[in-house]
PDB file of N, CA and C in Angstrom:
ATOM      1  N   UNK A   1     103.191  36.561 121.420  1.00  0.00           N
ATOM      2  CA  UNK A   1     103.442  36.345 122.824  1.00  0.00           C
ATOM      3  C   UNK A   1     103.100  34.896 123.172  1.00  0.00           C
ATOM      4  N   UNK A   2     103.944  34.295 123.979  1.00  0.00           N
ATOM      5  CA  UNK A   2     103.739  32.917 124.425  1.00  0.00           C
ATOM      6  C   UNK A   2     102.526  32.841 125.343  1.00  0.00           C
ATOM      7  N   UNK A   3     101.731  31.772 125.178  1.00  0.00           N
ATOM      8  CA  UNK A   3     100.582  31.581 126.067  1.00  0.00           C
ATOM      9  C   UNK A   3     101.068  31.512 127.509  1.00  0.00           C
ATOM     10  N   UNK A   4     100.269  32.067 128.404  1.00  0.00           N
ATOM     11  CA  UNK A   4     100.658  32.155 129.818  1.00  0.00           C
ATOM     12  C   UNK A   4     100.985  30.793 130.425  1.00  0.00           C
ATOM     13  N   UNK A   5     100.255  29.755 130.018  1.00  0.00           N
ATOM     14  CA  UNK A   5     100.492  28.444 130.635  1.00  0.00           C
ATOM     15  C   UNK A   5     101.862  27.871 130.298  1.00  0.00           C
ATOM     16  N   UNK A   6     102.526  28.416 129.285  1.00  0.00           N
ATOM     17  CA  UNK A   6     103.851  27.929 128.897  1.00  0.00           C
ATOM     18  C   UNK A   6     104.970  28.832 129.402  1.00  0.00           C
ATOM     19  N   UNK A   7     104.617  29.880 130.110  1.00  0.00           N
ATOM     20  CA  UNK A   7     105.627  30.820 130.590  1.00  0.00           C
ATOM     21  C   UNK A   7     106.173  30.394 131.951  1.00  0.00           C
ATOM     22  N   UNK A   8     107.406  30.758 132.204  1.00  0.00           N
ATOM     23  CA  UNK A   8     108.063  30.446 133.482  1.00  0.00           C
ATOM     24  C   UNK A   8     107.272  31.028 134.657  1.00  0.00           C
ATOM     25  N   UNK A   9     106.685  32.193 134.457  1.00  0.00           N
ATOM     26  CA  UNK A   9     105.904  32.833 135.512  1.00  0.00           C
ATOM     27  C   UNK A   9     104.745  31.946 135.966  1.00  0.00           C
ATOM     28  N   UNK A  10     104.149  31.225 135.026  1.00  0.00           N
ATOM     29  CA  UNK A  10     103.027  30.350 135.369  1.00  0.00           C
ATOM     30  C   UNK A  10     103.507  29.177 136.224  1.00  0.00           C
ATOM     31  N   UNK A  11     104.656  28.653 135.891  1.00  0.00           N
ATOM     32  CA  UNK A  11     105.236  27.560 136.687  1.00  0.00           C
ATOM     33  C   UNK A  11     105.488  28.042 138.116  1.00  0.00           C
ATOM     34  N   UNK A  12     106.039  29.229 138.255  1.00  0.00           N
ATOM     35  CA  UNK A  12     106.312  29.788 139.580  1.00  0.00           C
ATOM     36  C   UNK A  12     105.006  30.043 140.329  1.00  0.00           C
ATOM     37  N   UNK A  13     103.986  30.519 139.626  1.00  0.00           N
ATOM     38  CA  UNK A  13     102.670  30.737 140.226  1.00  0.00           C
ATOM     39  C   UNK A  13     102.143  29.435 140.825  1.00  0.00           C
ATOM     40  N   UNK A  14     102.225  28.358 140.053  1.00  0.00           N
ATOM     41  CA  UNK A  14     101.747  27.056 140.534  1.00  0.00           C
ATOM     42  C   UNK A  14     102.573  26.568 141.722  1.00  0.00           C
ATOM     43  N   UNK A  15     103.875  26.790 141.676  1.00  0.00           N
ATOM     44  CA  UNK A  15     104.738  26.401 142.792  1.00  0.00           C
ATOM     45  C   UNK A  15     104.364  27.158 144.059  1.00  0.00           C
ATOM     46  N   UNK A  16     104.055  28.440 143.910  1.00  0.00           N
ATOM     47  CA  UNK A  16     103.660  29.249 145.063  1.00  0.00           C
ATOM     48  C   UNK A  16     102.324  28.794 145.632  1.00  0.00           C
ATOM     49  N   UNK A  17     101.380  28.439 144.763  1.00  0.00           N
ATOM     50  CA  UNK A  17     100.094  27.922 145.243  1.00  0.00           C
ATOM     51  C   UNK A  17     100.302  26.660 146.073  1.00  0.00           C
ATOM     52  N   UNK A  18     101.103  25.748 145.540  1.00  0.00           N
ATOM     53  CA  UNK A  18     101.346  24.490 146.252  1.00  0.00           C
ATOM     54  C   UNK A  18     102.084  24.742 147.558  1.00  0.00           C
ATOM     55  N   UNK A  19     103.084  25.600 147.523  1.00  0.00           N
ATOM     56  CA  UNK A  19     103.848  25.926 148.734  1.00  0.00           C
ATOM     57  C   UNK A  19     102.913  26.478 149.812  1.00  0.00           C
ATOM     58  N   UNK A  20     102.023  27.379 149.415  1.00  0.00           N
ATOM     59  CA  UNK A  20     101.081  27.979 150.356  1.00  0.00           C
ATOM     60  C   UNK A  20     100.170  26.910 150.968  1.00  0.00           C
ATOM     61  N   UNK A  21      99.703  25.979 150.143  1.00  0.00           N
ATOM     62  CA  UNK A  21      98.837  24.912 150.655  1.00  0.00           C
ATOM     63  C   UNK A  21      99.597  24.005 151.615  1.00  0.00           C
ATOM     64  N   UNK A  22     100.788  23.591 151.219  1.00  0.00           N
ATOM     65  CA  UNK A  22     101.592  22.693 152.057  1.00  0.00           C
ATOM     66  C   UNK A  22     101.927  23.368 153.389  1.00  0.00           C
ATOM     67  N   UNK A  23     102.323  24.642 153.344  1.00  0.00           N
ATOM     68  CA  UNK A  23     102.649  25.370 154.572  1.00  0.00           C
ATOM     69  C   UNK A  23     101.442  25.502 155.494  1.00  0.00           C
ATOM     70  N   UNK A  24     100.247  25.528 154.917  1.00  0.00           N
ATOM     71  CA  UNK A  24      99.031  25.633 155.730  1.00  0.00           C
ATOM     72  C   UNK A  24      98.735  24.321 156.457  1.00  0.00           C
ATOM     73  N   UNK A  25      99.361  23.228 155.994  1.00  0.00           N
ATOM     74  CA  UNK A  25      99.131  21.921 156.587  1.00  0.00           C
ATOM     75  C   UNK A  25      97.932  21.186 156.009  1.00  0.00           C
ATOM     76  N   UNK A  26      97.339  21.741 154.965  1.00  0.00           N
ATOM     77  CA  UNK A  26      96.162  21.115 154.361  1.00  0.00           C
ATOM     78  C   UNK A  26      96.561  20.217 153.199  1.00  0.00           C
ATOM     79  N   UNK A  27      95.834  19.117 153.059  1.00  0.00           N
ATOM     80  CA  UNK A  27      96.002  18.258 151.889  1.00  0.00           C
ATOM     81  C   UNK A  27      95.180  18.838 150.742  1.00  0.00           C
ATOM     82  N   UNK A  28      95.405  18.302 149.549  1.00  0.00           N
ATOM     83  CA  UNK A  28      94.581  18.721 148.413  1.00  0.00           C
ATOM     84  C   UNK A  28      93.112  18.433 148.691  1.00  0.00           C
ATOM     85  N   UNK A  29      92.836  17.272 149.264  1.00  0.00           N
ATOM     86  CA  UNK A  29      91.452  16.882 149.549  1.00  0.00           C
ATOM     87  C   UNK A  29      90.809  17.831 150.556  1.00  0.00           C
ATOM     88  N   UNK A  30      91.531  18.169 151.621  1.00  0.00           N
ATOM     89  CA  UNK A  30      90.994  19.082 152.629  1.00  0.00           C
ATOM     90  C   UNK A  30      90.731  20.464 152.046  1.00  0.00           C
ATOM     91  N   UNK A  31      91.663  20.919 151.254  1.00  0.00           N
ATOM     92  CA  UNK A  31      91.535  22.233 150.630  1.00  0.00           C
ATOM     93  C   UNK A  31      90.345  22.257 149.671  1.00  0.00           C
ATOM     94  N   UNK A  32      90.239  21.241 148.843  1.00  0.00           N
ATOM     95  CA  UNK A  32      89.132  21.151 147.886  1.00  0.00           C
ATOM     96  C   UNK A  32      87.792  21.097 148.608  1.00  0.00           C
ATOM     97  N   UNK A  33      87.726  20.308 149.672  1.00  0.00           N
ATOM     98  CA  UNK A  33      86.488  20.193 150.450  1.00  0.00           C
ATOM     99  C   UNK A  33      86.100  21.543 151.042  1.00  0.00           C
ATOM    100  N   UNK A  34      87.078  22.262 151.577  1.00  0.00           N
ATOM    101  CA  UNK A  34      86.813  23.581 152.160  1.00  0.00           C
ATOM    102  C   UNK A  34      86.290  24.564 151.112  1.00  0.00           C
ATOM    103  N   UNK A  35      86.665  24.338 149.863  1.00  0.00           N
ATOM    104  CA  UNK A  35      86.192  25.185 148.763  1.00  0.00           C
ATOM    105  C   UNK A  35      84.883  24.672 148.170  1.00  0.00           C
ATOM    106  N   UNK A  36      84.421  23.519 148.676  1.00  0.00           N
ATOM    107  CA  UNK A  36      83.193  22.931 148.148  1.00  0.00           C
ATOM    108  C   UNK A  36      83.374  22.286 146.785  1.00  0.00           C
ATOM    109  N   UNK A  37      84.595  21.795 146.544  1.00  0.00           N
ATOM    110  CA  UNK A  37      84.935  21.191 145.257  1.00  0.00           C
ATOM    111  C   UNK A  37      85.447  19.769 145.472  1.00  0.00           C
ATOM    112  N   UNK A  38      85.460  18.947 144.406  1.00  0.00           N
ATOM    113  CA  UNK A  38      86.026  17.597 144.542  1.00  0.00           C
ATOM    114  C   UNK A  38      87.549  17.667 144.713  1.00  0.00           C
ATOM    115  N   UNK A  39      88.150  16.601 145.258  1.00  0.00           N
ATOM    116  CA  UNK A  39      89.599  16.568 145.481  1.00  0.00           C
ATOM    117  C   UNK A  39      90.361  16.858 144.210  1.00  0.00           C
ATOM    118  N   UNK A  40      89.850  16.412 143.097  1.00  0.00           N
ATOM    119  CA  UNK A  40      90.550  16.612 141.825  1.00  0.00           C
ATOM    120  C   UNK A  40      90.728  18.091 141.492  1.00  0.00           C
ATOM    121  N   UNK A  41      89.930  18.951 142.090  1.00  0.00           N
ATOM    122  CA  UNK A  41      90.029  20.388 141.819  1.00  0.00           C
ATOM    123  C   UNK A  41      91.424  20.908 142.147  1.00  0.00           C
ATOM    124  N   UNK A  42      91.896  20.679 143.383  1.00  0.00           N
ATOM    125  CA  UNK A  42      93.218  21.186 143.762  1.00  0.00           C
ATOM    126  C   UNK A  42      94.329  20.486 143.001  1.00  0.00           C
ATOM    127  N   UNK A  43      94.153  19.218 142.735  1.00  0.00           N
ATOM    128  CA  UNK A  43      95.140  18.498 141.938  1.00  0.00           C
ATOM    129  C   UNK A  43      95.260  19.138 140.558  1.00  0.00           C
ATOM    130  N   UNK A  44      94.128  19.403 139.944  1.00  0.00           N
ATOM    131  CA  UNK A  44      94.120  20.025 138.611  1.00  0.00           C
ATOM    132  C   UNK A  44      94.715  21.427 138.648  1.00  0.00           C
ATOM    133  N   UNK A  45      94.398  22.190 139.691  1.00  0.00           N
ATOM    134  CA  UNK A  45      94.948  23.545 139.816  1.00  0.00           C
ATOM    135  C   UNK A  45      96.467  23.480 139.937  1.00  0.00           C
ATOM    136  N   UNK A  46      96.969  22.645 140.835  1.00  0.00           N
ATOM    137  CA  UNK A  46      98.410  22.578 141.083  1.00  0.00           C
ATOM    138  C   UNK A  46      99.192  22.022 139.901  1.00  0.00           C
ATOM    139  N   UNK A  47      98.548  21.224 139.067  1.00  0.00           N
ATOM    140  CA  UNK A  47      99.216  20.696 137.871  1.00  0.00           C
ATOM    141  C   UNK A  47      99.078  21.644 136.680  1.00  0.00           C
ATOM    142  N   UNK A  48      98.304  22.704 136.833  1.00  0.00           N
ATOM    143  CA  UNK A  48      98.134  23.667 135.753  1.00  0.00           C
ATOM    144  C   UNK A  48      97.080  23.273 134.749  1.00  0.00           C
ATOM    145  N   UNK A  49      96.293  22.241 135.066  1.00  0.00           N
ATOM    146  CA  UNK A  49      95.236  21.777 134.170  1.00  0.00           C
ATOM    147  C   UNK A  49      94.034  22.710 134.262  1.00  0.00           C
ATOM    148  N   UNK A  50      93.779  23.202 135.475  1.00  0.00           N
ATOM    149  CA  UNK A  50      92.659  24.112 135.708  1.00  0.00           C
ATOM    150  C   UNK A  50      93.217  25.455 136.162  1.00  0.00           C
ATOM    151  N   UNK A  51      92.690  26.522 135.568  1.00  0.00           N
ATOM    152  CA  UNK A  51      93.125  27.867 135.937  1.00  0.00           C
ATOM    153  C   UNK A  51      92.126  28.490 136.893  1.00  0.00           C
ATOM    154  N   UNK A  52      92.618  29.385 137.722  1.00  0.00           N
ATOM    155  CA  UNK A  52      91.771  30.080 138.684  1.00  0.00           C
ATOM    156  C   UNK A  52      91.530  31.509 138.229  1.00  0.00           C
ATOM    157  N   UNK A  53      90.307  31.995 138.436  1.00  0.00           N
ATOM    158  CA  UNK A  53      90.095  33.425 138.232  1.00  0.00           C
ATOM    159  C   UNK A  53      90.433  34.128 139.554  1.00  0.00           C
ATOM    160  N   UNK A  54      90.385  35.435 139.566  1.00  0.00           N
ATOM    161  CA  UNK A  54      90.799  36.201 140.737  1.00  0.00           C
ATOM    162  C   UNK A  54      89.943  35.891 141.961  1.00  0.00           C
ATOM    163  N   UNK A  55      88.648  35.741 141.764  1.00  0.00           N
ATOM    164  CA  UNK A  55      87.754  35.450 142.885  1.00  0.00           C
ATOM    165  C   UNK A  55      88.073  34.071 143.470  1.00  0.00           C
ATOM    166  N   UNK A  56      88.315  33.088 142.612  1.00  0.00           N
ATOM    167  CA  UNK A  56      88.673  31.747 143.092  1.00  0.00           C
ATOM    168  C   UNK A  56      90.012  31.765 143.822  1.00  0.00           C
ATOM    169  N   UNK A  57      90.967  32.525 143.309  1.00  0.00           N
ATOM    170  CA  UNK A  57      92.267  32.638 143.968  1.00  0.00           C
ATOM    171  C   UNK A  57      92.101  33.271 145.345  1.00  0.00           C
ATOM    172  N   UNK A  58      91.268  34.278 145.440  1.00  0.00           N
ATOM    173  CA  UNK A  58      91.001  34.925 146.732  1.00  0.00           C
ATOM    174  C   UNK A  58      90.376  33.926 147.708  1.00  0.00           C
ATOM    175  N   UNK A  59      89.401  33.160 147.234  1.00  0.00           N
ATOM    176  CA  UNK A  59      88.774  32.132 148.081  1.00  0.00           C
ATOM    177  C   UNK A  59      89.808  31.119 148.563  1.00  0.00           C
ATOM    178  N   UNK A  60      90.675  30.688 147.670  1.00  0.00           N
ATOM    179  CA  UNK A  60      91.714  29.720 148.024  1.00  0.00           C
ATOM    180  C   UNK A  60      92.639  30.297 149.092  1.00  0.00           C
ATOM    181  N   UNK A  61      93.052  31.529 148.903  1.00  0.00           N
ATOM    182  CA  UNK A  61      93.919  32.179 149.893  1.00  0.00           C
ATOM    183  C   UNK A  61      93.256  32.199 151.265  1.00  0.00           C
ATOM    184  N   UNK A  62      91.975  32.543 151.304  1.00  0.00           N
ATOM    185  CA  UNK A  62      91.259  32.599 152.584  1.00  0.00           C
ATOM    186  C   UNK A  62      91.192  31.226 153.249  1.00  0.00           C
ATOM    187  N   UNK A  63      90.918  30.188 152.463  1.00  0.00           N
ATOM    188  CA  UNK A  63      90.870  28.820 153.002  1.00  0.00           C
ATOM    189  C   UNK A  63      92.220  28.438 153.606  1.00  0.00           C
ATOM    190  N   UNK A  64      93.292  28.920 152.999  1.00  0.00           N
ATOM    191  CA  UNK A  64      94.639  28.573 153.450  1.00  0.00           C
ATOM    192  C   UNK A  64      95.176  29.537 154.506  1.00  0.00           C
ATOM    193  N   UNK A  65      94.318  30.450 154.973  1.00  0.00           N
ATOM    194  CA  UNK A  65      94.720  31.364 156.038  1.00  0.00           C
ATOM    195  C   UNK A  65      95.590  32.511 155.583  1.00  0.00           C
ATOM    196  N   UNK A  66      95.519  32.837 154.322  1.00  0.00           N
ATOM    197  CA  UNK A  66      96.292  33.952 153.753  1.00  0.00           C
ATOM    198  C   UNK A  66      95.321  34.930 153.128  1.00  0.00           C
ATOM    199  N   UNK A  67      95.834  36.047 152.663  1.00  0.00           N
ATOM    200  CA  UNK A  67      95.004  36.950 151.888  1.00  0.00           C
ATOM    201  C   UNK A  67      95.632  37.116 150.511  1.00  0.00           C
ATOM    202  N   UNK A  68      94.853  37.616 149.592  1.00  0.00           N
ATOM    203  CA  UNK A  68      95.301  37.731 148.203  1.00  0.00           C
ATOM    204  C   UNK A  68      96.528  38.630 148.079  1.00  0.00           C
ATOM    205  N   UNK A  69      96.579  39.680 148.870  1.00  0.00           N
ATOM    206  CA  UNK A  69      97.715  40.608 148.796  1.00  0.00           C
ATOM    207  C   UNK A  69      99.006  39.919 149.230  1.00  0.00           C
ATOM    208  N   UNK A  70      98.964  39.172 150.324  1.00  0.00           N
ATOM    209  CA  UNK A  70     100.195  38.497 150.772  1.00  0.00           C
ATOM    210  C   UNK A  70     100.620  37.423 149.776  1.00  0.00           C
ATOM    211  N   UNK A  71      99.636  36.733 149.157  1.00  0.00           N
ATOM    212  CA  UNK A  71      99.999  35.753 148.131  1.00  0.00           C
ATOM    213  C   UNK A  71     100.672  36.446 146.953  1.00  0.00           C
ATOM    214  N   UNK A  72     100.099  37.567 146.527  1.00  0.00           N
ATOM    215  CA  UNK A  72     100.661  38.301 145.389  1.00  0.00           C
ATOM    216  C   UNK A  72     102.082  38.761 145.691  1.00  0.00           C
ATOM    217  N   UNK A  73     102.308  39.233 146.908  1.00  0.00           N
ATOM    218  CA  UNK A  73     103.662  39.653 147.289  1.00  0.00           C
ATOM    219  C   UNK A  73     104.629  38.468 147.265  1.00  0.00           C
ATOM    220  N   UNK A  74     104.185  37.322 147.766  1.00  0.00           N
ATOM    221  CA  UNK A  74     105.032  36.117 147.742  1.00  0.00           C
ATOM    222  C   UNK A  74     105.347  35.701 146.312  1.00  0.00           C
ATOM    223  N   UNK A  75     104.344  35.774 145.456  1.00  0.00           N
ATOM    224  CA  UNK A  75     104.521  35.426 144.044  1.00  0.00           C
ATOM    225  C   UNK A  75     105.524  36.372 143.389  1.00  0.00           C
ATOM    226  N   UNK A  76     105.360  37.665 143.618  1.00  0.00           N
ATOM    227  CA  UNK A  76     106.287  38.650 143.041  1.00  0.00           C
ATOM    228  C   UNK A  76     107.702  38.438 143.568  1.00  0.00           C
ATOM    229  N   UNK A  77     107.832  38.100 144.846  1.00  0.00           N
ATOM    230  CA  UNK A  77     109.156  37.836 145.411  1.00  0.00           C
ATOM    231  C   UNK A  77     109.781  36.604 144.762  1.00  0.00           C
ATOM    232  N   UNK A  78     108.976  35.570 144.569  1.00  0.00           N
ATOM    233  CA  UNK A  78     109.479  34.356 143.912  1.00  0.00           C
ATOM    234  C   UNK A  78     109.926  34.664 142.487  1.00  0.00           C
ATOM    235  N   UNK A  79     109.185  35.519 141.799  1.00  0.00           N
ATOM    236  CA  UNK A  79     109.584  35.921 140.445  1.00  0.00           C
ATOM    237  C   UNK A  79     110.903  36.683 140.484  1.00  0.00           C
ATOM    238  N   UNK A  80     111.035  37.597 141.443  1.00  0.00           N
ATOM    239  CA  UNK A  80     112.277  38.369 141.573  1.00  0.00           C
ATOM    240  C   UNK A  80     113.449  37.456 141.884  1.00  0.00           C
ATOM    241  N   UNK A  81     113.230  36.517 142.806  1.00  0.00           N
ATOM    242  CA  UNK A  81     114.292  35.569 143.156  1.00  0.00           C
ATOM    243  C   UNK A  81     114.693  34.748 141.939  1.00  0.00           C
ATOM    244  N   UNK A  82     113.712  34.285 141.184  1.00  0.00           N
ATOM    245  CA  UNK A  82     113.981  33.480 139.990  1.00  0.00           C
ATOM    246  C   UNK A  82     114.714  34.305 138.944  1.00  0.00           C
ATOM    247  N   UNK A  83     114.294  35.549 138.747  1.00  0.00           N
ATOM    248  CA  UNK A  83     114.959  36.411 137.771  1.00  0.00           C
ATOM    249  C   UNK A  83     116.386  36.700 138.196  1.00  0.00           C
ATOM    250  N   UNK A  84     116.607  36.873 139.491  1.00  0.00           N
ATOM    251  CA  UNK A  84     117.955  37.091 139.995  1.00  0.00           C
ATOM    252  C   UNK A  84     118.845  35.892 139.743  1.00  0.00           C
ATOM    253  N   UNK A  85     118.296  34.687 139.956  1.00  0.00           N
ATOM    254  CA  UNK A  85     119.054  33.459 139.690  1.00  0.00           C
ATOM    255  C   UNK A  85     119.400  33.359 138.218  1.00  0.00           C
ATOM    256  N   UNK A  86     118.429  33.679 137.371  1.00  0.00           N
ATOM    257  CA  UNK A  86     118.644  33.598 135.925  1.00  0.00           C
ATOM    258  C   UNK A  86     119.734  34.567 135.499  1.00  0.00           C
ATOM    259  N   UNK A  87     119.691  35.784 136.033  1.00  0.00           N
ATOM    260  CA  UNK A  87     120.686  36.799 135.678  1.00  0.00           C
ATOM    261  C   UNK A  87     122.062  36.378 136.180  1.00  0.00           C
ATOM    262  N   UNK A  88     122.142  35.904 137.438  1.00  0.00           N
ATOM    263  CA  UNK A  88     123.439  35.484 137.986  1.00  0.00           C
ATOM    264  C   UNK A  88     124.020  34.311 137.206  1.00  0.00           C
ATOM    265  N   UNK A  89     123.189  33.371 136.808  1.00  0.00           N
ATOM    266  CA  UNK A  89     123.654  32.224 136.030  1.00  0.00           C
ATOM    267  C   UNK A  89     124.188  32.682 134.680  1.00  0.00           C
ATOM    268  N   UNK A  90     123.483  33.585 134.040  1.00  0.00           N
ATOM    269  CA  UNK A  90     123.918  34.093 132.735  1.00  0.00           C
ATOM    270  C   UNK A  90     125.243  34.840 132.865  1.00  0.00           C
ATOM    271  N   UNK A  91     125.411  35.600 133.948  1.00  0.00           N
ATOM    272  CA  UNK A  91     126.664  36.331 134.156  1.00  0.00           C
ATOM    273  C   UNK A  91     127.828  35.367 134.361  1.00  0.00           C
ATOM    274  N   UNK A  92     127.611  34.288 135.107  1.00  0.00           N
ATOM    275  CA  UNK A  92     128.667  33.297 135.334  1.00  0.00           C
ATOM    276  C   UNK A  92     129.070  32.628 134.027  1.00  0.00           C
ATOM    277  N   UNK A  93     128.092  32.361 133.170  1.00  0.00           N
ATOM    278  CA  UNK A  93     128.382  31.691 131.908  1.00  0.00           C
ATOM    279  C   UNK A  93     129.188  32.584 130.973  1.00  0.00           C
ATOM    280  N   UNK A  94     129.045  33.890 131.109  1.00  0.00           N
ATOM    281  CA  UNK A  94     129.791  34.816 130.251  1.00  0.00           C
ATOM    282  C   UNK A  94     131.247  34.921 130.676  1.00  0.00           C
ATOM    283  N   UNK A  95     131.550  34.604 131.930  1.00  0.00           N
ATOM    284  CA  UNK A  95     132.927  34.768 132.436  1.00  0.00           C
ATOM    285  C   UNK A  95     133.714  33.510 132.352  1.00  0.00           C
TER     286      UNK A  95
END
């Protein structure tokens, strides 16, 4: 099995984290400060250099005005949308 950091799902996860932060109106520095971490923390998270455990992800969601369940639903929707695009593209290429 491919390591998670190299999977498409991980890329989408990182995109969703960044989207959630940007939509909240917070900068990486503001978000990191609210978490009690240096600015480089959010930069590293969004670039995939640093991974979050579930508790850290929950804390991040709260700082950004979301909850873990709504983030998970958004992530799953993004995965579904991406899978739908992949399937539609493959179908077009076959025809």
